[in-house]
Amino acid sequence: MSNNFNDPISHSSARTASMDVGLRTYMISVYNYMAMGLGFTGLVSYLVAGQPGLMQAIFSGPQAYIVMFAPLILVMVIGAKLQKLSFAKVQALFWIFAGLMGLSLSSIFMVYELGSIAKTFFITASMFGAMSIYGYTTQRDLTSMGSFLYMGVIGLIIASVVNMFMQSGTMQYVLSMFSVLIFTGLTAYDTQTIKSYYNPSESKENLGKIAIYGAIQLYIDFINIFLALLQLFGNRR
């Protein structure tokens, strides 16, 4: 009769089961933070859009650029200081980021019909969900695809800056199409990368910080798909 305590197969199975549970808990945390962040962003956007005076104060001067670029700067700070910051500070910065994004995106409620925004959101959620599941479950290494897609992001940024001066509607339409393709692909790649961040030997606090940072990455993918689809198919007021 075999002794399970000395059976290497039993020990390996137990470790695998433990990691599966830990990984699942970690990924649920990532998605929960992302969903709460999107919800908070949507709430802030909607409330700010209902205050014409506040909208005028935000978007009528150079402060509009501060509101626009502040979330990006905050993401860079979180990424650079993630190991040094406490979990509470990372969590606070996450909510500040989501709130600033809400301020930045409040203008869409002035440009597009509410029903069109809602419809585009659910379409985005379906696309995002499908690609994230693929990234989580696939055995294929998506590293090479990710590198190519990030090059595409750089190209999009450069082309968008150029189009700020050209004001070409056709170019904006093409950029929106490429944005959908690039960030849909990045959803799968980022999901696989975030999954690889998981290390069962990490402390609970470190895993919490990593989960929040992963949530920000997926949040950015989602928002970019949403905005691109809204520009392509949204019904303007």
Protein backbone atom coordinates (compact mmCIF):
# COMPACT_ATOMS: atom_id res chain seq x y z
CA MET A 1 0.00 0.00 0.00
CA SER A 2 1.51 3.33 -1.04
CA ASN A 3 2.07 6.19 1.36
CA ASN A 4 0.56 9.35 -0.14
CA PHE A 5 2.77 11.56 2.01
CA ASN A 6 5.80 10.17 0.23
CA ASP A 7 4.22 9.98 -3.20
CA PRO A 8 5.83 12.64 -5.47
CA ILE A 9 2.88 12.45 -7.86
CA SER A 10 0.44 13.31 -5.08
CA HIS A 11 2.63 16.17 -3.91
CA SER A 12 2.87 17.53 -7.48
CA SER A 13 -0.89 17.29 -7.96
CA ALA A 14 -1.49 19.14 -4.69
CA ARG A 15 0.89 21.93 -5.68
CA THR A 16 -0.74 22.23 -9.11
CA ALA A 17 -4.22 22.39 -7.58
CA SER A 18 -3.05 25.03 -5.11
CA MET A 19 -1.53 27.15 -7.89
CA ASP A 20 -4.70 26.83 -9.99
CA VAL A 21 -6.80 28.15 -7.11
CA GLY A 22 -4.32 30.95 -6.41
CA LEU A 23 -4.09 31.92 -10.08
CA ARG A 24 -7.86 31.95 -10.43
CA THR A 25 -8.21 34.15 -7.34
CA TYR A 26 -5.52 36.50 -8.65
CA MET A 27 -7.12 36.84 -12.12
CA ILE A 28 -10.57 37.41 -10.60
CA SER A 29 -9.01 40.23 -8.59
CA VAL A 30 -7.57 41.72 -11.79
CA TYR A 31 -10.94 41.65 -13.55
CA ASN A 32 -12.77 42.97 -10.48
CA TYR A 33 -10.46 45.97 -10.22
CA MET A 34 -10.79 46.63 -13.94
CA ALA A 35 -14.60 46.45 -13.79
CA MET A 36 -14.78 48.71 -10.72
CA GLY A 37 -12.41 51.17 -12.38
CA LEU A 38 -14.55 51.29 -15.52
CA GLY A 39 -17.67 51.74 -13.40
CA PHE A 40 -16.11 54.61 -11.45
CA THR A 41 -14.88 56.23 -14.67
CA GLY A 42 -18.34 56.00 -16.19
CA LEU A 43 -19.97 57.48 -13.09
CA VAL A 44 -17.54 60.42 -12.95
CA SER A 45 -17.94 61.05 -16.69
CA TYR A 46 -21.72 61.06 -16.50
CA LEU A 47 -21.88 63.33 -13.45
CA VAL A 48 -19.34 65.82 -14.85
CA ALA A 49 -21.10 65.90 -18.24
CA GLY A 50 -24.27 67.01 -16.43
CA GLN A 51 -22.52 70.13 -15.11
CA PRO A 52 -22.04 72.59 -18.02
CA GLY A 53 -20.10 75.04 -15.85
CA LEU A 54 -17.66 72.37 -14.76
CA MET A 55 -17.27 71.14 -18.34
CA GLN A 56 -16.50 74.68 -19.44
CA ALA A 57 -13.90 75.03 -16.69
CA ILE A 58 -12.21 71.75 -17.63
CA PHE A 59 -12.13 71.97 -21.41
CA SER A 60 -11.98 75.69 -22.20
CA GLY A 61 -8.26 76.28 -21.65
CA PRO A 62 -4.83 74.69 -21.31
CA GLN A 63 -6.07 72.72 -18.29
CA ALA A 64 -7.78 70.44 -20.82
CA TYR A 65 -4.35 69.07 -21.74
CA ILE A 66 -3.55 68.48 -18.07
CA VAL A 67 -6.74 66.46 -17.68
CA MET A 68 -5.96 64.60 -20.91
CA PHE A 69 -2.38 63.60 -20.08
CA ALA A 70 -2.56 63.26 -16.28
CA PRO A 71 -3.86 59.65 -16.40
CA LEU A 72 -0.98 58.61 -18.67
CA ILE A 73 1.57 60.19 -16.35
CA LEU A 74 -0.06 58.48 -13.37
CA VAL A 75 0.16 55.07 -15.07
CA MET A 76 3.86 55.63 -15.72
CA VAL A 77 4.41 56.56 -12.05
CA ILE A 78 2.56 53.46 -10.84
CA GLY A 79 4.55 51.21 -13.17
CA ALA A 80 7.90 52.73 -12.17
CA LYS A 81 7.22 52.76 -8.40
CA LEU A 82 5.10 49.61 -8.07
CA GLN A 83 7.60 47.69 -5.93
CA LYS A 84 8.27 50.63 -3.61
CA LEU A 85 4.70 51.78 -3.08
CA SER A 86 2.47 50.19 -0.45
CA PHE A 87 -0.67 48.35 -1.50
CA ALA A 88 -2.83 51.14 -0.03
CA LYS A 89 -1.02 53.80 -2.08
CA VAL A 90 -1.25 51.77 -5.30
CA GLN A 91 -4.95 51.28 -4.64
CA ALA A 92 -5.43 55.03 -4.03
CA LEU A 93 -3.53 55.91 -7.22
CA PHE A 94 -5.71 53.46 -9.14
CA TRP A 95 -8.89 55.26 -8.06
CA ILE A 96 -7.34 58.64 -8.84
CA PHE A 97 -6.43 57.31 -12.29
CA ALA A 98 -9.99 56.06 -12.88
CA GLY A 99 -11.41 59.39 -11.71
CA LEU A 100 -9.10 61.41 -13.97
CA MET A 101 -10.10 59.20 -16.87
CA GLY A 102 -13.71 60.00 -16.02
CA LEU A 103 -12.97 63.73 -16.28
CA SER A 104 -11.14 63.20 -19.56
CA LEU A 105 -13.93 61.11 -21.10
CA SER A 106 -16.85 63.24 -19.91
CA SER A 107 -16.94 65.02 -23.27
CA ILE A 108 -18.24 61.90 -25.04
CA PHE A 109 -21.64 62.46 -23.39
CA MET A 110 -21.79 65.85 -25.11
CA VAL A 111 -20.84 64.42 -28.51
CA TYR A 112 -22.65 61.06 -28.71
CA GLU A 113 -26.17 59.87 -27.90
CA LEU A 114 -26.48 58.02 -24.59
CA GLY A 115 -28.00 54.95 -26.25
CA SER A 116 -25.13 54.81 -28.73
CA ILE A 117 -22.59 54.99 -25.90
CA ALA A 118 -24.32 52.15 -24.07
CA LYS A 119 -24.54 49.98 -27.20
CA THR A 120 -20.88 50.56 -28.02
CA PHE A 121 -19.90 49.71 -24.44
CA PHE A 122 -21.62 46.31 -24.59
CA ILE A 123 -20.11 45.55 -28.01
CA THR A 124 -16.69 46.43 -26.60
CA ALA A 125 -17.31 44.23 -23.57
CA SER A 126 -18.14 41.27 -25.83
CA MET A 127 -15.04 41.72 -27.98
CA PHE A 128 -12.83 42.30 -24.96
CA GLY A 129 -14.21 39.27 -23.13
CA ALA A 130 -13.66 36.94 -26.07
CA MET A 131 -10.05 38.05 -26.62
CA SER A 132 -9.21 38.01 -22.91
CA ILE A 133 -10.50 34.44 -22.60
CA TYR A 134 -8.38 33.51 -25.59
CA GLY A 135 -5.31 35.09 -24.03
CA TYR A 136 -5.94 33.27 -20.76
CA THR A 137 -6.54 29.83 -22.23
CA THR A 138 -4.27 29.63 -25.29
CA GLN A 139 -1.07 27.61 -25.11
CA ARG A 140 0.46 29.71 -27.87
CA ASP A 141 3.17 32.19 -26.84
CA LEU A 142 1.87 35.63 -27.85
CA THR A 143 5.14 37.49 -27.15
CA SER A 144 6.01 38.09 -30.80
CA MET A 145 2.47 39.28 -31.53
CA GLY A 146 2.65 41.64 -28.55
CA SER A 147 5.90 43.20 -29.73
CA PHE A 148 4.40 43.82 -33.16
CA LEU A 149 1.23 45.31 -31.68
CA TYR A 150 3.15 47.69 -29.40
CA MET A 151 5.00 48.94 -32.46
CA GLY A 152 1.56 49.57 -33.92
CA VAL A 153 0.60 51.59 -30.83
CA ILE A 154 3.65 53.82 -31.35
CA GLY A 155 2.60 54.29 -34.97
CA LEU A 156 -0.92 55.20 -33.88
CA ILE A 157 0.36 57.81 -31.44
CA ILE A 158 2.59 59.43 -34.07
CA ALA A 159 -0.18 59.40 -36.69
CA SER A 160 -2.68 60.83 -34.19
CA VAL A 161 -0.36 63.73 -33.37
CA VAL A 162 0.07 64.42 -37.08
CA ASN A 163 -3.69 64.34 -37.59
CA MET A 164 -4.18 66.88 -34.82
CA PHE A 165 -2.73 69.38 -37.30
CA MET A 166 -4.16 67.87 -40.49
CA GLN A 167 -7.70 67.45 -39.12
CA SER A 168 -8.42 64.74 -41.70
CA GLY A 169 -11.67 62.87 -41.15
CA THR A 170 -10.55 60.04 -43.45
CA MET A 171 -7.28 59.62 -41.58
CA GLN A 172 -9.14 59.60 -38.26
CA TYR A 173 -11.45 56.87 -39.58
CA VAL A 174 -8.46 54.74 -40.63
CA LEU A 175 -6.75 55.32 -37.28
CA SER A 176 -9.90 54.23 -35.45
CA MET A 177 -10.04 51.00 -37.49
CA PHE A 178 -6.42 50.22 -36.68
CA SER A 179 -7.00 51.08 -33.02
CA VAL A 180 -9.75 48.46 -32.79
CA LEU A 181 -7.51 45.81 -34.37
CA ILE A 182 -4.40 46.67 -32.35
CA PHE A 183 -6.02 46.96 -28.92
CA THR A 184 -8.20 43.90 -29.48
CA GLY A 185 -5.01 41.93 -30.14
CA LEU A 186 -3.30 43.55 -27.15
CA THR A 187 -6.16 42.38 -24.94
CA ALA A 188 -5.15 38.77 -25.57
CA TYR A 189 -1.45 39.50 -25.21
CA ASP A 190 -1.83 41.54 -22.02
CA THR A 191 -4.08 38.90 -20.47
CA GLN A 192 -1.44 36.24 -21.08
CA THR A 193 1.27 38.55 -19.72
CA ILE A 194 -0.75 39.41 -16.60
CA LYS A 195 -1.36 35.70 -16.05
CA SER A 196 2.41 35.11 -16.21
CA TYR A 197 2.95 37.75 -13.49
CA TYR A 198 1.39 35.40 -10.96
CA ASN A 199 3.85 33.85 -8.55
CA PRO A 200 2.45 31.84 -5.62
CA SER A 201 5.52 32.64 -3.55
CA GLU A 202 4.74 36.39 -3.65
CA SER A 203 3.21 38.00 -0.58
CA LYS A 204 -0.48 38.81 -0.56
CA GLU A 205 0.32 42.54 -0.65
CA ASN A 206 2.60 42.22 -3.68
CA LEU A 207 0.07 40.09 -5.54
CA GLY A 208 -2.54 42.75 -4.79
CA LYS A 209 -0.34 45.47 -6.27
CA ILE A 210 0.42 43.36 -9.34
CA ALA A 211 -3.30 42.65 -9.79
CA ILE A 212 -4.08 46.38 -9.74
CA TYR A 213 -1.37 47.13 -12.29
CA GLY A 214 -2.68 44.32 -14.49
CA ALA A 215 -6.18 45.76 -14.18
CA ILE A 216 -4.89 49.12 -15.44
CA GLN A 217 -3.34 47.46 -18.48
CA LEU A 218 -6.61 45.73 -19.41
CA TYR A 219 -8.57 48.90 -18.59
CA ILE A 220 -6.49 50.84 -21.12
CA ASP A 221 -7.09 48.17 -23.78
CA PHE A 222 -10.84 48.28 -23.12
CA ILE A 223 -11.08 52.08 -23.21
CA ASN A 224 -9.14 52.32 -26.47
CA ILE A 225 -11.36 49.73 -28.17
CA PHE A 226 -14.46 51.50 -26.85
CA LEU A 227 -13.40 54.96 -28.04
CA ALA A 228 -12.34 53.68 -31.47
CA LEU A 229 -15.66 51.87 -31.97
CA LEU A 230 -17.52 54.95 -30.80
CA GLN A 231 -15.72 57.08 -33.37
CA LEU A 232 -16.49 54.54 -36.09
CA PHE A 233 -20.14 53.72 -35.35
CA GLY A 234 -21.39 56.10 -32.65
CA ASN A 235 -24.44 58.27 -33.36
CA ARG A 236 -23.56 61.90 -32.77
CA ARG A 237 -25.94 64.35 -31.15
